[in-house]
């Protein structure tokens, strides 16, 4: 399976006067959070809420800024999450994918809305 990307619109719901950022995000179901580079944090003027200790792919641990709230849009889906700030690209993790009821289509190397619920996001609440 190759890399899968999704085009996201990222915005600061506290600042409607700031234009959203459109970004190509690497979809990674093995990651938990939305990850944004510092440039996106600065552009959207997202406030740091706290630091989170994260375990990186190489097993090392690092304290990383956690910012928010962040509003995400993908097709007809909207989600609100926090984001960790690191790296140089946007990474779409499991929490925002679940929140917006998105699926990975590995054969076509794309992210899409859940075809069982095309008009609205579905979630289990039990």
PDB file of N, CA and C in Angstrom:
ATOM      1  N   UNK A   1       0.844  -1.172   0.000  1.00  0.00           N
ATOM      2  CA  UNK A   1       0.000   0.000   0.000  1.00  0.00           C
ATOM      3  C   UNK A   1       0.889   1.234   0.000  1.00  0.00           C
ATOM      4  N   UNK A   2       0.557   2.197  -0.832  1.00  0.00           N
ATOM      5  CA  UNK A   2       1.308   3.440  -0.880  1.00  0.00           C
ATOM      6  C   UNK A   2       0.763   4.457   0.104  1.00  0.00           C
ATOM      7  N   UNK A   3       1.314   5.642   0.045  1.00  0.00           N
ATOM      8  CA  UNK A   3       0.864   6.720   0.910  1.00  0.00           C
ATOM      9  C   UNK A   3      -0.492   7.240   0.443  1.00  0.00           C
ATOM     10  N   UNK A   4      -1.307   7.652   1.417  1.00  0.00           N
ATOM     11  CA  UNK A   4      -2.650   8.146   1.121  1.00  0.00           C
ATOM     12  C   UNK A   4      -2.755   9.573   1.636  1.00  0.00           C
ATOM     13  N   UNK A   5      -3.230  10.471   0.779  1.00  0.00           N
ATOM     14  CA  UNK A   5      -3.366  11.876   1.134  1.00  0.00           C
ATOM     15  C   UNK A   5      -4.813  12.333   0.996  1.00  0.00           C
ATOM     16  N   UNK A   6      -5.145  13.386   1.737  1.00  0.00           N
ATOM     17  CA  UNK A   6      -6.471  13.999   1.663  1.00  0.00           C
ATOM     18  C   UNK A   6      -6.307  15.515   1.672  1.00  0.00           C
ATOM     19  N   UNK A   7      -7.102  16.201   0.894  1.00  0.00           N
ATOM     20  CA  UNK A   7      -7.111  17.662   0.918  1.00  0.00           C
ATOM     21  C   UNK A   7      -8.059  18.124   2.020  1.00  0.00           C
ATOM     22  N   UNK A   8      -7.506  18.890   2.964  1.00  0.00           N
ATOM     23  CA  UNK A   8      -8.279  19.391   4.094  1.00  0.00           C
ATOM     24  C   UNK A   8      -8.322  20.908   4.077  1.00  0.00           C
ATOM     25  N   UNK A   9      -9.392  21.440   4.609  1.00  0.00           N
ATOM     26  CA  UNK A   9      -9.463  22.861   4.905  1.00  0.00           C
ATOM     27  C   UNK A   9      -9.353  22.962   6.426  1.00  0.00           C
ATOM     28  N   UNK A  10      -8.355  23.705   6.887  1.00  0.00           N
ATOM     29  CA  UNK A  10      -8.063  23.820   8.315  1.00  0.00           C
ATOM     30  C   UNK A  10      -8.296  25.266   8.721  1.00  0.00           C
ATOM     31  N   UNK A  11      -9.050  25.460   9.807  1.00  0.00           N
ATOM     32  CA  UNK A  11      -9.326  26.829  10.241  1.00  0.00           C
ATOM     33  C   UNK A  11      -9.356  26.934  11.762  1.00  0.00           C
ATOM     34  N   UNK A  12      -9.342  28.168  12.221  1.00  0.00           N
ATOM     35  CA  UNK A  12      -9.430  28.486  13.634  1.00  0.00           C
ATOM     36  C   UNK A  12     -10.856  28.953  13.895  1.00  0.00           C
ATOM     37  N   UNK A  13     -11.697  28.133  14.548  1.00  0.00           N
ATOM     38  CA  UNK A  13     -13.097  28.525  14.730  1.00  0.00           C
ATOM     39  C   UNK A  13     -13.280  29.728  15.648  1.00  0.00           C
ATOM     40  N   UNK A  14     -12.242  30.109  16.379  1.00  0.00           N
ATOM     41  CA  UNK A  14     -12.313  31.301  17.227  1.00  0.00           C
ATOM     42  C   UNK A  14     -12.022  32.577  16.450  1.00  0.00           C
ATOM     43  N   UNK A  15     -11.476  32.430  15.233  1.00  0.00           N
ATOM     44  CA  UNK A  15     -11.035  33.594  14.448  1.00  0.00           C
ATOM     45  C   UNK A  15     -11.582  33.505  13.025  1.00  0.00           C
ATOM     46  N   UNK A  16     -12.833  33.886  12.857  1.00  0.00           N
ATOM     47  CA  UNK A  16     -13.443  33.836  11.522  1.00  0.00           C
ATOM     48  C   UNK A  16     -12.845  34.872  10.571  1.00  0.00           C
ATOM     49  N   UNK A  17     -12.060  35.814  11.110  1.00  0.00           N
ATOM     50  CA  UNK A  17     -11.418  36.823  10.271  1.00  0.00           C
ATOM     51  C   UNK A  17     -10.149  36.303   9.592  1.00  0.00           C
ATOM     52  N   UNK A  18      -9.704  35.108   9.968  1.00  0.00           N
ATOM     53  CA  UNK A  18      -8.498  34.517   9.375  1.00  0.00           C
ATOM     54  C   UNK A  18      -8.927  33.474   8.340  1.00  0.00           C
ATOM     55  N   UNK A  19      -8.387  33.579   7.135  1.00  0.00           N
ATOM     56  CA  UNK A  19      -8.718  32.624   6.075  1.00  0.00           C
ATOM     57  C   UNK A  19      -8.249  31.225   6.435  1.00  0.00           C
ATOM     58  N   UNK A  20      -9.043  30.205   6.083  1.00  0.00           N
ATOM     59  CA  UNK A  20      -8.613  28.822   6.302  1.00  0.00           C
ATOM     60  C   UNK A  20      -7.380  28.486   5.475  1.00  0.00           C
ATOM     61  N   UNK A  21      -6.679  27.454   5.904  1.00  0.00           N
ATOM     62  CA  UNK A  21      -5.535  26.929   5.180  1.00  0.00           C
ATOM     63  C   UNK A  21      -5.982  25.648   4.486  1.00  0.00           C
ATOM     64  N   UNK A  22      -5.689  25.543   3.193  1.00  0.00           N
ATOM     65  CA  UNK A  22      -5.930  24.281   2.496  1.00  0.00           C
ATOM     66  C   UNK A  22      -4.617  23.525   2.471  1.00  0.00           C
ATOM     67  N   UNK A  23      -4.668  22.257   2.886  1.00  0.00           N
ATOM     68  CA  UNK A  23      -3.438  21.483   2.993  1.00  0.00           C
ATOM     69  C   UNK A  23      -3.672  20.048   2.553  1.00  0.00           C
ATOM     70  N   UNK A  24      -2.640  19.494   1.932  1.00  0.00           N
ATOM     71  CA  UNK A  24      -2.642  18.075   1.609  1.00  0.00           C
ATOM     72  C   UNK A  24      -2.122  17.347   2.842  1.00  0.00           C
ATOM     73  N   UNK A  25      -2.957  16.513   3.428  1.00  0.00           N
ATOM     74  CA  UNK A  25      -2.612  15.820   4.668  1.00  0.00           C
ATOM     75  C   UNK A  25      -2.330  14.350   4.396  1.00  0.00           C
ATOM     76  N   UNK A  26      -1.259  13.860   4.982  1.00  0.00           N
ATOM     77  CA  UNK A  26      -0.961  12.436   4.932  1.00  0.00           C
ATOM     78  C   UNK A  26      -1.890  11.732   5.908  1.00  0.00           C
ATOM     79  N   UNK A  27      -2.685  10.791   5.429  1.00  0.00           N
ATOM     80  CA  UNK A  27      -3.601  10.036   6.284  1.00  0.00           C
ATOM     81  C   UNK A  27      -2.819   8.891   6.930  1.00  0.00           C
ATOM     82  N   UNK A  28      -2.894   8.811   8.253  1.00  0.00           N
ATOM     83  CA  UNK A  28      -2.140   7.802   8.990  1.00  0.00           C
ATOM     84  C   UNK A  28      -3.004   7.238  10.110  1.00  0.00           C
ATOM     85  N   UNK A  29      -3.642   6.105   9.848  1.00  0.00           N
ATOM     86  CA  UNK A  29      -4.524   5.492  10.850  1.00  0.00           C
ATOM     87  C   UNK A  29      -3.747   4.952  12.039  1.00  0.00           C
ATOM     88  N   UNK A  30      -2.439   4.861  11.930  1.00  0.00           N
ATOM     89  CA  UNK A  30      -1.612   4.424  13.049  1.00  0.00           C
ATOM     90  C   UNK A  30      -1.254   5.556  13.991  1.00  0.00           C
ATOM     91  N   UNK A  31      -1.550   6.767  13.596  1.00  0.00           N
ATOM     92  CA  UNK A  31      -1.330   7.937  14.433  1.00  0.00           C
ATOM     93  C   UNK A  31      -2.664   8.318  15.071  1.00  0.00           C
ATOM     94  N   UNK A  32      -2.606   9.012  16.186  1.00  0.00           N
ATOM     95  CA  UNK A  32      -3.830   9.347  16.909  1.00  0.00           C
ATOM     96  C   UNK A  32      -4.342  10.738  16.553  1.00  0.00           C
ATOM     97  N   UNK A  33      -3.476  11.722  16.562  1.00  0.00           N
ATOM     98  CA  UNK A  33      -3.879  13.120  16.485  1.00  0.00           C
ATOM     99  C   UNK A  33      -3.794  13.707  15.085  1.00  0.00           C
ATOM    100  N   UNK A  34      -4.341  14.906  14.968  1.00  0.00           N
ATOM    101  CA  UNK A  34      -4.035  15.778  13.851  1.00  0.00           C
ATOM    102  C   UNK A  34      -2.681  16.394  14.165  1.00  0.00           C
ATOM    103  N   UNK A  35      -1.786  16.378  13.209  1.00  0.00           N
ATOM    104  CA  UNK A  35      -0.470  17.001  13.370  1.00  0.00           C
ATOM    105  C   UNK A  35      -0.381  18.124  12.346  1.00  0.00           C
ATOM    106  N   UNK A  36       0.050  19.292  12.818  1.00  0.00           N
ATOM    107  CA  UNK A  36       0.224  20.421  11.910  1.00  0.00           C
ATOM    108  C   UNK A  36       1.623  21.004  12.105  1.00  0.00           C
ATOM    109  N   UNK A  37       2.204  21.558  11.046  1.00  0.00           N
ATOM    110  CA  UNK A  37       3.485  22.245  11.211  1.00  0.00           C
ATOM    111  C   UNK A  37       3.281  23.585  11.923  1.00  0.00           C
ATOM    112  N   UNK A  38       4.348  24.099  12.475  1.00  0.00           N
ATOM    113  CA  UNK A  38       4.284  25.375  13.187  1.00  0.00           C
ATOM    114  C   UNK A  38       3.808  26.505  12.276  1.00  0.00           C
ATOM    115  N   UNK A  39       4.130  26.434  10.989  1.00  0.00           N
ATOM    116  CA  UNK A  39       3.696  27.476  10.059  1.00  0.00           C
ATOM    117  C   UNK A  39       2.168  27.582  10.019  1.00  0.00           C
ATOM    118  N   UNK A  40       1.469  26.452  10.088  1.00  0.00           N
ATOM    119  CA  UNK A  40      -0.003  26.461  10.097  1.00  0.00           C
ATOM    120  C   UNK A  40      -0.509  27.025  11.419  1.00  0.00           C
ATOM    121  N   UNK A  41       0.114  26.638  12.523  1.00  0.00           N
ATOM    122  CA  UNK A  41      -0.265  27.183  13.829  1.00  0.00           C
ATOM    123  C   UNK A  41      -0.168  28.707  13.822  1.00  0.00           C
ATOM    124  N   UNK A  42       0.930  29.214  13.302  1.00  0.00           N
ATOM    125  CA  UNK A  42       1.154  30.666  13.273  1.00  0.00           C
ATOM    126  C   UNK A  42       0.157  31.340  12.338  1.00  0.00           C
ATOM    127  N   UNK A  43      -0.028  30.783  11.148  1.00  0.00           N
ATOM    128  CA  UNK A  43      -0.933  31.380  10.173  1.00  0.00           C
ATOM    129  C   UNK A  43      -2.359  31.463  10.702  1.00  0.00           C
ATOM    130  N   UNK A  44      -2.808  30.431  11.426  1.00  0.00           N
ATOM    131  CA  UNK A  44      -4.174  30.404  11.944  1.00  0.00           C
ATOM    132  C   UNK A  44      -4.287  30.995  13.350  1.00  0.00           C
ATOM    133  N   UNK A  45      -3.153  31.399  13.909  1.00  0.00           N
ATOM    134  CA  UNK A  45      -3.095  31.960  15.256  1.00  0.00           C
ATOM    135  C   UNK A  45      -3.771  31.033  16.276  1.00  0.00           C
ATOM    136  N   UNK A  46      -3.387  29.761  16.224  1.00  0.00           N
ATOM    137  CA  UNK A  46      -3.925  28.765  17.154  1.00  0.00           C
ATOM    138  C   UNK A  46      -3.158  28.831  18.464  1.00  0.00           C
ATOM    139  N   UNK A  47      -3.875  28.916  19.554  1.00  0.00           N
ATOM    140  CA  UNK A  47      -3.274  29.057  20.875  1.00  0.00           C
ATOM    141  C   UNK A  47      -2.811  27.708  21.411  1.00  0.00           C
ATOM    142  N   UNK A  48      -1.641  27.713  22.051  1.00  0.00           N
ATOM    143  CA  UNK A  48      -1.169  26.508  22.723  1.00  0.00           C
ATOM    144  C   UNK A  48      -1.986  26.312  23.992  1.00  0.00           C
ATOM    145  N   UNK A  49      -2.531  25.118  24.157  1.00  0.00           N
ATOM    146  CA  UNK A  49      -3.333  24.772  25.325  1.00  0.00           C
ATOM    147  C   UNK A  49      -2.444  24.165  26.404  1.00  0.00           C
ATOM    148  N   UNK A  50      -1.556  23.274  25.973  1.00  0.00           N
ATOM    149  CA  UNK A  50      -0.644  22.581  26.883  1.00  0.00           C
ATOM    150  C   UNK A  50       0.421  21.882  26.060  1.00  0.00           C
ATOM    151  N   UNK A  51       1.289  21.168  26.733  1.00  0.00           N
ATOM    152  CA  UNK A  51       2.256  20.294  26.063  1.00  0.00           C
ATOM    153  C   UNK A  51       1.767  18.866  26.246  1.00  0.00           C
ATOM    154  N   UNK A  52       1.950  18.049  25.240  1.00  0.00           N
ATOM    155  CA  UNK A  52       1.645  16.617  25.333  1.00  0.00           C
ATOM    156  C   UNK A  52       2.928  15.846  25.112  1.00  0.00           C
ATOM    157  N   UNK A  53       3.089  14.776  25.861  1.00  0.00           N
ATOM    158  CA  UNK A  53       4.216  13.890  25.612  1.00  0.00           C
ATOM    159  C   UNK A  53       3.767  12.875  24.571  1.00  0.00           C
ATOM    160  N   UNK A  54       4.480  12.827  23.463  1.00  0.00           N
ATOM    161  CA  UNK A  54       4.134  11.905  22.382  1.00  0.00           C
ATOM    162  C   UNK A  54       5.292  10.944  22.141  1.00  0.00           C
ATOM    163  N   UNK A  55       4.945   9.742  21.760  1.00  0.00           N
ATOM    164  CA  UNK A  55       5.942   8.756  21.362  1.00  0.00           C
ATOM    165  C   UNK A  55       6.033   8.788  19.850  1.00  0.00           C
ATOM    166  N   UNK A  56       7.213   9.008  19.343  1.00  0.00           N
ATOM    167  CA  UNK A  56       7.438   9.101  17.903  1.00  0.00           C
ATOM    168  C   UNK A  56       7.643   7.718  17.304  1.00  0.00           C
ATOM    169  N   UNK A  57       7.664   7.650  15.983  1.00  0.00           N
ATOM    170  CA  UNK A  57       7.790   6.377  15.274  1.00  0.00           C
ATOM    171  C   UNK A  57       9.057   5.611  15.659  1.00  0.00           C
ATOM    172  N   UNK A  58      10.123   6.342  16.017  1.00  0.00           N
ATOM    173  CA  UNK A  58      11.379   5.672  16.388  1.00  0.00           C
ATOM    174  C   UNK A  58      11.401   5.233  17.857  1.00  0.00           C
ATOM    175  N   UNK A  59      10.279   5.449  18.572  1.00  0.00           N
ATOM    176  CA  UNK A  59      10.196   5.042  19.973  1.00  0.00           C
ATOM    177  C   UNK A  59      10.597   6.129  20.963  1.00  0.00           C
ATOM    178  N   UNK A  60      11.175   7.203  20.486  1.00  0.00           N
ATOM    179  CA  UNK A  60      11.574   8.290  21.395  1.00  0.00           C
ATOM    180  C   UNK A  60      10.339   9.071  21.836  1.00  0.00           C
ATOM    181  N   UNK A  61      10.484   9.762  22.972  1.00  0.00           N
ATOM    182  CA  UNK A  61       9.387  10.571  23.496  1.00  0.00           C
ATOM    183  C   UNK A  61       9.787  12.034  23.483  1.00  0.00           C
ATOM    184  N   UNK A  62       8.779  12.881  23.263  1.00  0.00           N
ATOM    185  CA  UNK A  62       9.060  14.302  23.136  1.00  0.00           C
ATOM    186  C   UNK A  62       7.858  15.096  23.648  1.00  0.00           C
ATOM    187  N   UNK A  63       8.108  16.228  24.304  1.00  0.00           N
ATOM    188  CA  UNK A  63       7.033  17.141  24.682  1.00  0.00           C
ATOM    189  C   UNK A  63       6.735  18.044  23.491  1.00  0.00           C
ATOM    190  N   UNK A  64       5.471  18.059  23.079  1.00  0.00           N
ATOM    191  CA  UNK A  64       5.059  18.754  21.871  1.00  0.00           C
ATOM    192  C   UNK A  64       3.921  19.719  22.208  1.00  0.00           C
ATOM    193  N   UNK A  65       3.911  20.922  21.624  1.00  0.00           N
ATOM    194  CA  UNK A  65       2.780  21.829  21.838  1.00  0.00           C
ATOM    195  C   UNK A  65       1.472  21.236  21.305  1.00  0.00           C
ATOM    196  N   UNK A  66       0.416  21.402  22.089  1.00  0.00           N
ATOM    197  CA  UNK A  66      -0.937  20.971  21.717  1.00  0.00           C
ATOM    198  C   UNK A  66      -1.777  22.234  21.592  1.00  0.00           C
ATOM    199  N   UNK A  67      -2.379  22.465  20.420  1.00  0.00           N
ATOM    200  CA  UNK A  67      -3.102  23.700  20.138  1.00  0.00           C
ATOM    201  C   UNK A  67      -4.558  23.407  19.784  1.00  0.00           C
ATOM    202  N   UNK A  68      -5.360  24.452  19.857  1.00  0.00           N
ATOM    203  CA  UNK A  68      -6.733  24.265  19.441  1.00  0.00           C
ATOM    204  C   UNK A  68      -7.631  25.375  19.944  1.00  0.00           C
ATOM    205  N   UNK A  69      -8.893  25.271  19.629  1.00  0.00           N
ATOM    206  CA  UNK A  69      -9.496  24.247  18.785  1.00  0.00           C
ATOM    207  C   UNK A  69      -9.156  24.457  17.310  1.00  0.00           C
ATOM    208  N   UNK A  70      -9.254  23.371  16.555  1.00  0.00           N
ATOM    209  CA  UNK A  70      -9.001  23.388  15.123  1.00  0.00           C
ATOM    210  C   UNK A  70     -10.252  22.849  14.434  1.00  0.00           C
ATOM    211  N   UNK A  71     -10.699  23.547  13.405  1.00  0.00           N
ATOM    212  CA  UNK A  71     -11.827  23.075  12.617  1.00  0.00           C
ATOM    213  C   UNK A  71     -11.291  22.481  11.326  1.00  0.00           C
ATOM    214  N   UNK A  72     -11.741  21.267  11.010  1.00  0.00           N
ATOM    215  CA  UNK A  72     -11.349  20.579   9.778  1.00  0.00           C
ATOM    216  C   UNK A  72     -12.561  20.414   8.886  1.00  0.00           C
ATOM    217  N   UNK A  73     -12.334  20.533   7.571  1.00  0.00           N
ATOM    218  CA  UNK A  73     -13.377  20.235   6.609  1.00  0.00           C
ATOM    219  C   UNK A  73     -12.807  19.314   5.543  1.00  0.00           C
ATOM    220  N   UNK A  74     -13.580  18.262   5.256  1.00  0.00           N
ATOM    221  CA  UNK A  74     -13.259  17.328   4.174  1.00  0.00           C
ATOM    222  C   UNK A  74     -14.579  16.984   3.500  1.00  0.00           C
ATOM    223  N   UNK A  75     -14.698  17.344   2.240  1.00  0.00           N
ATOM    224  CA  UNK A  75     -15.944  17.157   1.483  1.00  0.00           C
ATOM    225  C   UNK A  75     -17.107  17.724   2.302  1.00  0.00           C
ATOM    226  N   UNK A  76     -18.115  16.900   2.638  1.00  0.00           N
ATOM    227  CA  UNK A  76     -19.273  17.411   3.377  1.00  0.00           C
ATOM    228  C   UNK A  76     -19.155  17.166   4.886  1.00  0.00           C
ATOM    229  N   UNK A  77     -17.944  16.949   5.372  1.00  0.00           N
ATOM    230  CA  UNK A  77     -17.728  16.648   6.789  1.00  0.00           C
ATOM    231  C   UNK A  77     -16.959  17.762   7.474  1.00  0.00           C
ATOM    232  N   UNK A  78     -17.332  18.010   8.727  1.00  0.00           N
ATOM    233  CA  UNK A  78     -16.646  18.978   9.566  1.00  0.00           C
ATOM    234  C   UNK A  78     -16.306  18.312  10.887  1.00  0.00           C
ATOM    235  N   UNK A  79     -15.130  18.607  11.395  1.00  0.00           N
ATOM    236  CA  UNK A  79     -14.721  18.088  12.695  1.00  0.00           C
ATOM    237  C   UNK A  79     -13.982  19.157  13.475  1.00  0.00           C
ATOM    238  N   UNK A  80     -14.034  19.041  14.796  1.00  0.00           N
ATOM    239  CA  UNK A  80     -13.320  19.950  15.684  1.00  0.00           C
ATOM    240  C   UNK A  80     -12.399  19.119  16.556  1.00  0.00           C
ATOM    241  N   UNK A  81     -11.110  19.448  16.526  1.00  0.00           N
ATOM    242  CA  UNK A  81     -10.112  18.682  17.276  1.00  0.00           C
ATOM    243  C   UNK A  81      -9.030  19.626  17.795  1.00  0.00           C
ATOM    244  N   UNK A  82      -8.150  19.063  18.610  1.00  0.00           N
ATOM    245  CA  UNK A  82      -6.898  19.718  18.935  1.00  0.00           C
ATOM    246  C   UNK A  82      -5.834  19.168  18.000  1.00  0.00           C
ATOM    247  N   UNK A  83      -4.681  19.806  17.980  1.00  0.00           N
ATOM    248  CA  UNK A  83      -3.604  19.354  17.093  1.00  0.00           C
ATOM    249  C   UNK A  83      -2.273  19.452  17.818  1.00  0.00           C
ATOM    250  N   UNK A  84      -1.378  18.508  17.524  1.00  0.00           N
ATOM    251  CA  UNK A  84      -0.012  18.650  18.002  1.00  0.00           C
ATOM    252  C   UNK A  84       0.791  19.327  16.904  1.00  0.00           C
ATOM    253  N   UNK A  85       1.759  20.123  17.330  1.00  0.00           N
ATOM    254  CA  UNK A  85       2.525  20.946  16.394  1.00  0.00           C
ATOM    255  C   UNK A  85       3.924  20.389  16.271  1.00  0.00           C
ATOM    256  N   UNK A  86       4.229  19.831  15.104  1.00  0.00           N
ATOM    257  CA  UNK A  86       5.569  19.317  14.826  1.00  0.00           C
ATOM    258  C   UNK A  86       5.691  18.997  13.351  1.00  0.00           C
ATOM    259  N   UNK A  87       6.905  18.861  12.893  1.00  0.00           N
ATOM    260  CA  UNK A  87       7.162  18.438  11.526  1.00  0.00           C
ATOM    261  C   UNK A  87       6.896  19.524  10.500  1.00  0.00           C
ATOM    262  N   UNK A  88       6.853  19.072   9.235  1.00  0.00           N
ATOM    263  CA  UNK A  88       6.691  20.025   8.140  1.00  0.00           C
ATOM    264  C   UNK A  88       5.515  19.700   7.232  1.00  0.00           C
ATOM    265  N   UNK A  89       4.641  18.780   7.672  1.00  0.00           N
ATOM    266  CA  UNK A  89       3.459  18.488   6.875  1.00  0.00           C
ATOM    267  C   UNK A  89       2.286  18.167   7.798  1.00  0.00           C
ATOM    268  N   UNK A  90       1.086  18.281   7.253  1.00  0.00           N
ATOM    269  CA  UNK A  90      -0.123  17.952   8.002  1.00  0.00           C
ATOM    270  C   UNK A  90      -0.303  16.443   7.959  1.00  0.00           C
ATOM    271  N   UNK A  91      -0.634  15.883   9.119  1.00  0.00           N
ATOM    272  CA  UNK A  91      -0.875  14.444   9.230  1.00  0.00           C
ATOM    273  C   UNK A  91      -2.261  14.255   9.838  1.00  0.00           C
ATOM    274  N   UNK A  92      -3.093  13.480   9.183  1.00  0.00           N
ATOM    275  CA  UNK A  92      -4.463  13.213   9.615  1.00  0.00           C
ATOM    276  C   UNK A  92      -4.494  11.883  10.344  1.00  0.00           C
ATOM    277  N   UNK A  93      -4.652  11.935  11.671  1.00  0.00           N
ATOM    278  CA  UNK A  93      -4.645  10.731  12.494  1.00  0.00           C
ATOM    279  C   UNK A  93      -6.038  10.152  12.709  1.00  0.00           C
ATOM    280  N   UNK A  94      -6.102   9.127  13.555  1.00  0.00           N
ATOM    281  CA  UNK A  94      -7.329   8.361  13.770  1.00  0.00           C
ATOM    282  C   UNK A  94      -8.454   9.177  14.407  1.00  0.00           C
ATOM    283  N   UNK A  95      -8.132  10.043  15.374  1.00  0.00           N
ATOM    284  CA  UNK A  95      -9.198  10.793  16.053  1.00  0.00           C
ATOM    285  C   UNK A  95      -9.973  11.678  15.073  1.00  0.00           C
ATOM    286  N   UNK A  96      -9.312  12.528  14.296  1.00  0.00           N
ATOM    287  CA  UNK A  96     -10.109  13.331  13.357  1.00  0.00           C
ATOM    288  C   UNK A  96     -10.781  12.495  12.268  1.00  0.00           C
ATOM    289  N   UNK A  97     -10.158  11.396  11.841  1.00  0.00           N
ATOM    290  CA  UNK A  97     -10.813  10.547  10.843  1.00  0.00           C
ATOM    291  C   UNK A  97     -12.087   9.925  11.407  1.00  0.00           C
ATOM    292  N   UNK A  98     -12.024   9.441  12.646  1.00  0.00           N
ATOM    293  CA  UNK A  98     -13.208   8.875  13.291  1.00  0.00           C
ATOM    294  C   UNK A  98     -14.271   9.940  13.497  1.00  0.00           C
ATOM    295  N   UNK A  99     -13.849  11.118  13.939  1.00  0.00           N
ATOM    296  CA  UNK A  99     -14.795  12.203  14.210  1.00  0.00           C
ATOM    297  C   UNK A  99     -15.593  12.571  12.963  1.00  0.00           C
ATOM    298  N   UNK A 100     -14.941  12.572  11.810  1.00  0.00           N
ATOM    299  CA  UNK A 100     -15.620  12.935  10.566  1.00  0.00           C
ATOM    300  C   UNK A 100     -16.149  11.712   9.813  1.00  0.00           C
ATOM    301  N   UNK A 101     -15.985  10.516  10.388  1.00  0.00           N
ATOM    302  CA  UNK A 101     -16.440   9.260   9.783  1.00  0.00           C
ATOM    303  C   UNK A 101     -15.848   9.076   8.385  1.00  0.00           C
ATOM    304  N   UNK A 102     -14.509   9.162   8.341  1.00  0.00           N
ATOM    305  CA  UNK A 102     -13.777   8.976   7.092  1.00  0.00           C
ATOM    306  C   UNK A 102     -13.182   7.586   7.041  1.00  0.00           C
ATOM    307  N   UNK A 103     -12.969   7.095   5.842  1.00  0.00           N
ATOM    308  CA  UNK A 103     -12.350   5.786   5.650  1.00  0.00           C
ATOM    309  C   UNK A 103     -11.156   5.913   4.712  1.00  0.00           C
ATOM    310  N   UNK A 104     -10.260   4.958   4.811  1.00  0.00           N
ATOM    311  CA  UNK A 104      -9.147   4.855   3.870  1.00  0.00           C
ATOM    312  C   UNK A 104      -9.526   3.845   2.798  1.00  0.00           C
ATOM    313  N   UNK A 105      -9.236   4.171   1.555  1.00  0.00           N
ATOM    314  CA  UNK A 105      -9.474   3.271   0.425  1.00  0.00           C
ATOM    315  C   UNK A 105      -8.094   2.943  -0.147  1.00  0.00           C
ATOM    316  N   UNK A 106      -7.411   1.935   0.436  1.00  0.00           N
ATOM    317  CA  UNK A 106      -6.022   1.661   0.060  1.00  0.00           C
ATOM    318  C   UNK A 106      -5.822   1.352  -1.419  1.00  0.00           C
ATOM    319  N   UNK A 107      -6.733   0.610  -2.009  1.00  0.00           N
ATOM    320  CA  UNK A 107      -6.579   0.224  -3.420  1.00  0.00           C
ATOM    321  C   UNK A 107      -6.529   1.451  -4.333  1.00  0.00           C
ATOM    322  N   UNK A 108      -7.272   2.492  -3.953  1.00  0.00           N
ATOM    323  CA  UNK A 108      -7.318   3.715  -4.749  1.00  0.00           C
ATOM    324  C   UNK A 108      -6.461   4.831  -4.160  1.00  0.00           C
ATOM    325  N   UNK A 109      -5.781   4.527  -3.041  1.00  0.00           N
ATOM    326  CA  UNK A 109      -4.888   5.468  -2.356  1.00  0.00           C
ATOM    327  C   UNK A 109      -5.569   6.809  -2.102  1.00  0.00           C
ATOM    328  N   UNK A 110      -6.739   6.731  -1.430  1.00  0.00           N
ATOM    329  CA  UNK A 110      -7.460   7.952  -1.127  1.00  0.00           C
ATOM    330  C   UNK A 110      -8.240   7.824   0.178  1.00  0.00           C
ATOM    331  N   UNK A 111      -8.601   8.970   0.704  1.00  0.00           N
ATOM    332  CA  UNK A 111      -9.483   9.073   1.860  1.00  0.00           C
ATOM    333  C   UNK A 111     -10.857   9.422   1.314  1.00  0.00           C
ATOM    334  N   UNK A 112     -11.905   8.899   1.942  1.00  0.00           N
ATOM    335  CA  UNK A 112     -13.253   9.235   1.502  1.00  0.00           C
ATOM    336  C   UNK A 112     -14.191   9.204   2.691  1.00  0.00           C
ATOM    337  N   UNK A 113     -15.391   9.724   2.474  1.00  0.00           N
ATOM    338  CA  UNK A 113     -16.414   9.636   3.507  1.00  0.00           C
ATOM    339  C   UNK A 113     -16.937   8.201   3.544  1.00  0.00           C
ATOM    340  N   UNK A 114     -17.459   7.800   4.684  1.00  0.00           N
ATOM    341  CA  UNK A 114     -17.991   6.448   4.843  1.00  0.00           C
ATOM    342  C   UNK A 114     -19.190   6.281   3.906  1.00  0.00           C
ATOM    343  N   UNK A 115     -19.124   5.356   2.935  1.00  0.00           N
ATOM    344  CA  UNK A 115     -20.217   5.221   1.970  1.00  0.00           C
ATOM    345  C   UNK A 115     -21.524   4.726   2.594  1.00  0.00           C
ATOM    346  N   UNK A 116     -21.458   4.142   3.778  1.00  0.00           N
ATOM    347  CA  UNK A 116     -22.692   3.713   4.452  1.00  0.00           C
ATOM    348  C   UNK A 116     -23.488   4.913   4.967  1.00  0.00           C
ATOM    349  N   UNK A 117     -22.787   6.036   5.184  1.00  0.00           N
ATOM    350  CA  UNK A 117     -23.416   7.250   5.702  1.00  0.00           C
ATOM    351  C   UNK A 117     -22.932   8.448   4.875  1.00  0.00           C
ATOM    352  N   UNK A 118     -23.383   8.537   3.614  1.00  0.00           N
ATOM    353  CA  UNK A 118     -22.839   9.567   2.726  1.00  0.00           C
ATOM    354  C   UNK A 118     -23.264  10.999   3.057  1.00  0.00           C
ATOM    355  N   UNK A 119     -24.363  11.178   3.778  1.00  0.00           N
ATOM    356  CA  UNK A 119     -24.892  12.515   4.008  1.00  0.00           C
ATOM    357  C   UNK A 119     -24.522  13.117   5.355  1.00  0.00           C
ATOM    358  N   UNK A 120     -24.063  12.280   6.285  1.00  0.00           N
ATOM    359  CA  UNK A 120     -23.712  12.763   7.620  1.00  0.00           C
ATOM    360  C   UNK A 120     -22.747  11.786   8.264  1.00  0.00           C
ATOM    361  N   UNK A 121     -21.965  12.297   9.180  1.00  0.00           N
ATOM    362  CA  UNK A 121     -21.009  11.434   9.898  1.00  0.00           C
ATOM    363  C   UNK A 121     -21.755  10.557  10.896  1.00  0.00           C
ATOM    364  N   UNK A 122     -21.359   9.318  10.987  1.00  0.00           N
ATOM    365  CA  UNK A 122     -21.943   8.368  11.922  1.00  0.00           C
ATOM    366  C   UNK A 122     -20.922   8.057  12.993  1.00  0.00           C
ATOM    367  N   UNK A 123     -21.385   7.861  14.222  1.00  0.00           N
ATOM    368  CA  UNK A 123     -20.489   7.514  15.315  1.00  0.00           C
ATOM    369  C   UNK A 123     -21.194   6.582  16.279  1.00  0.00           C
ATOM    370  N   UNK A 124     -20.435   5.742  16.938  1.00  0.00           N
ATOM    371  CA  UNK A 124     -20.985   4.900  18.002  1.00  0.00           C
ATOM    372  C   UNK A 124     -20.911   5.693  19.299  1.00  0.00           C
ATOM    373  N   UNK A 125     -21.988   5.685  20.041  1.00  0.00           N
ATOM    374  CA  UNK A 125     -22.046   6.418  21.304  1.00  0.00           C
ATOM    375  C   UNK A 125     -22.492   5.483  22.417  1.00  0.00           C
ATOM    376  N   UNK A 126     -21.881   4.302  22.438  1.00  0.00           N
ATOM    377  CA  UNK A 126     -22.257   3.343  23.492  1.00  0.00           C
ATOM    378  C   UNK A 126     -21.031   2.759  24.115  1.00  0.00           C
TER     379      UNK A 126
END
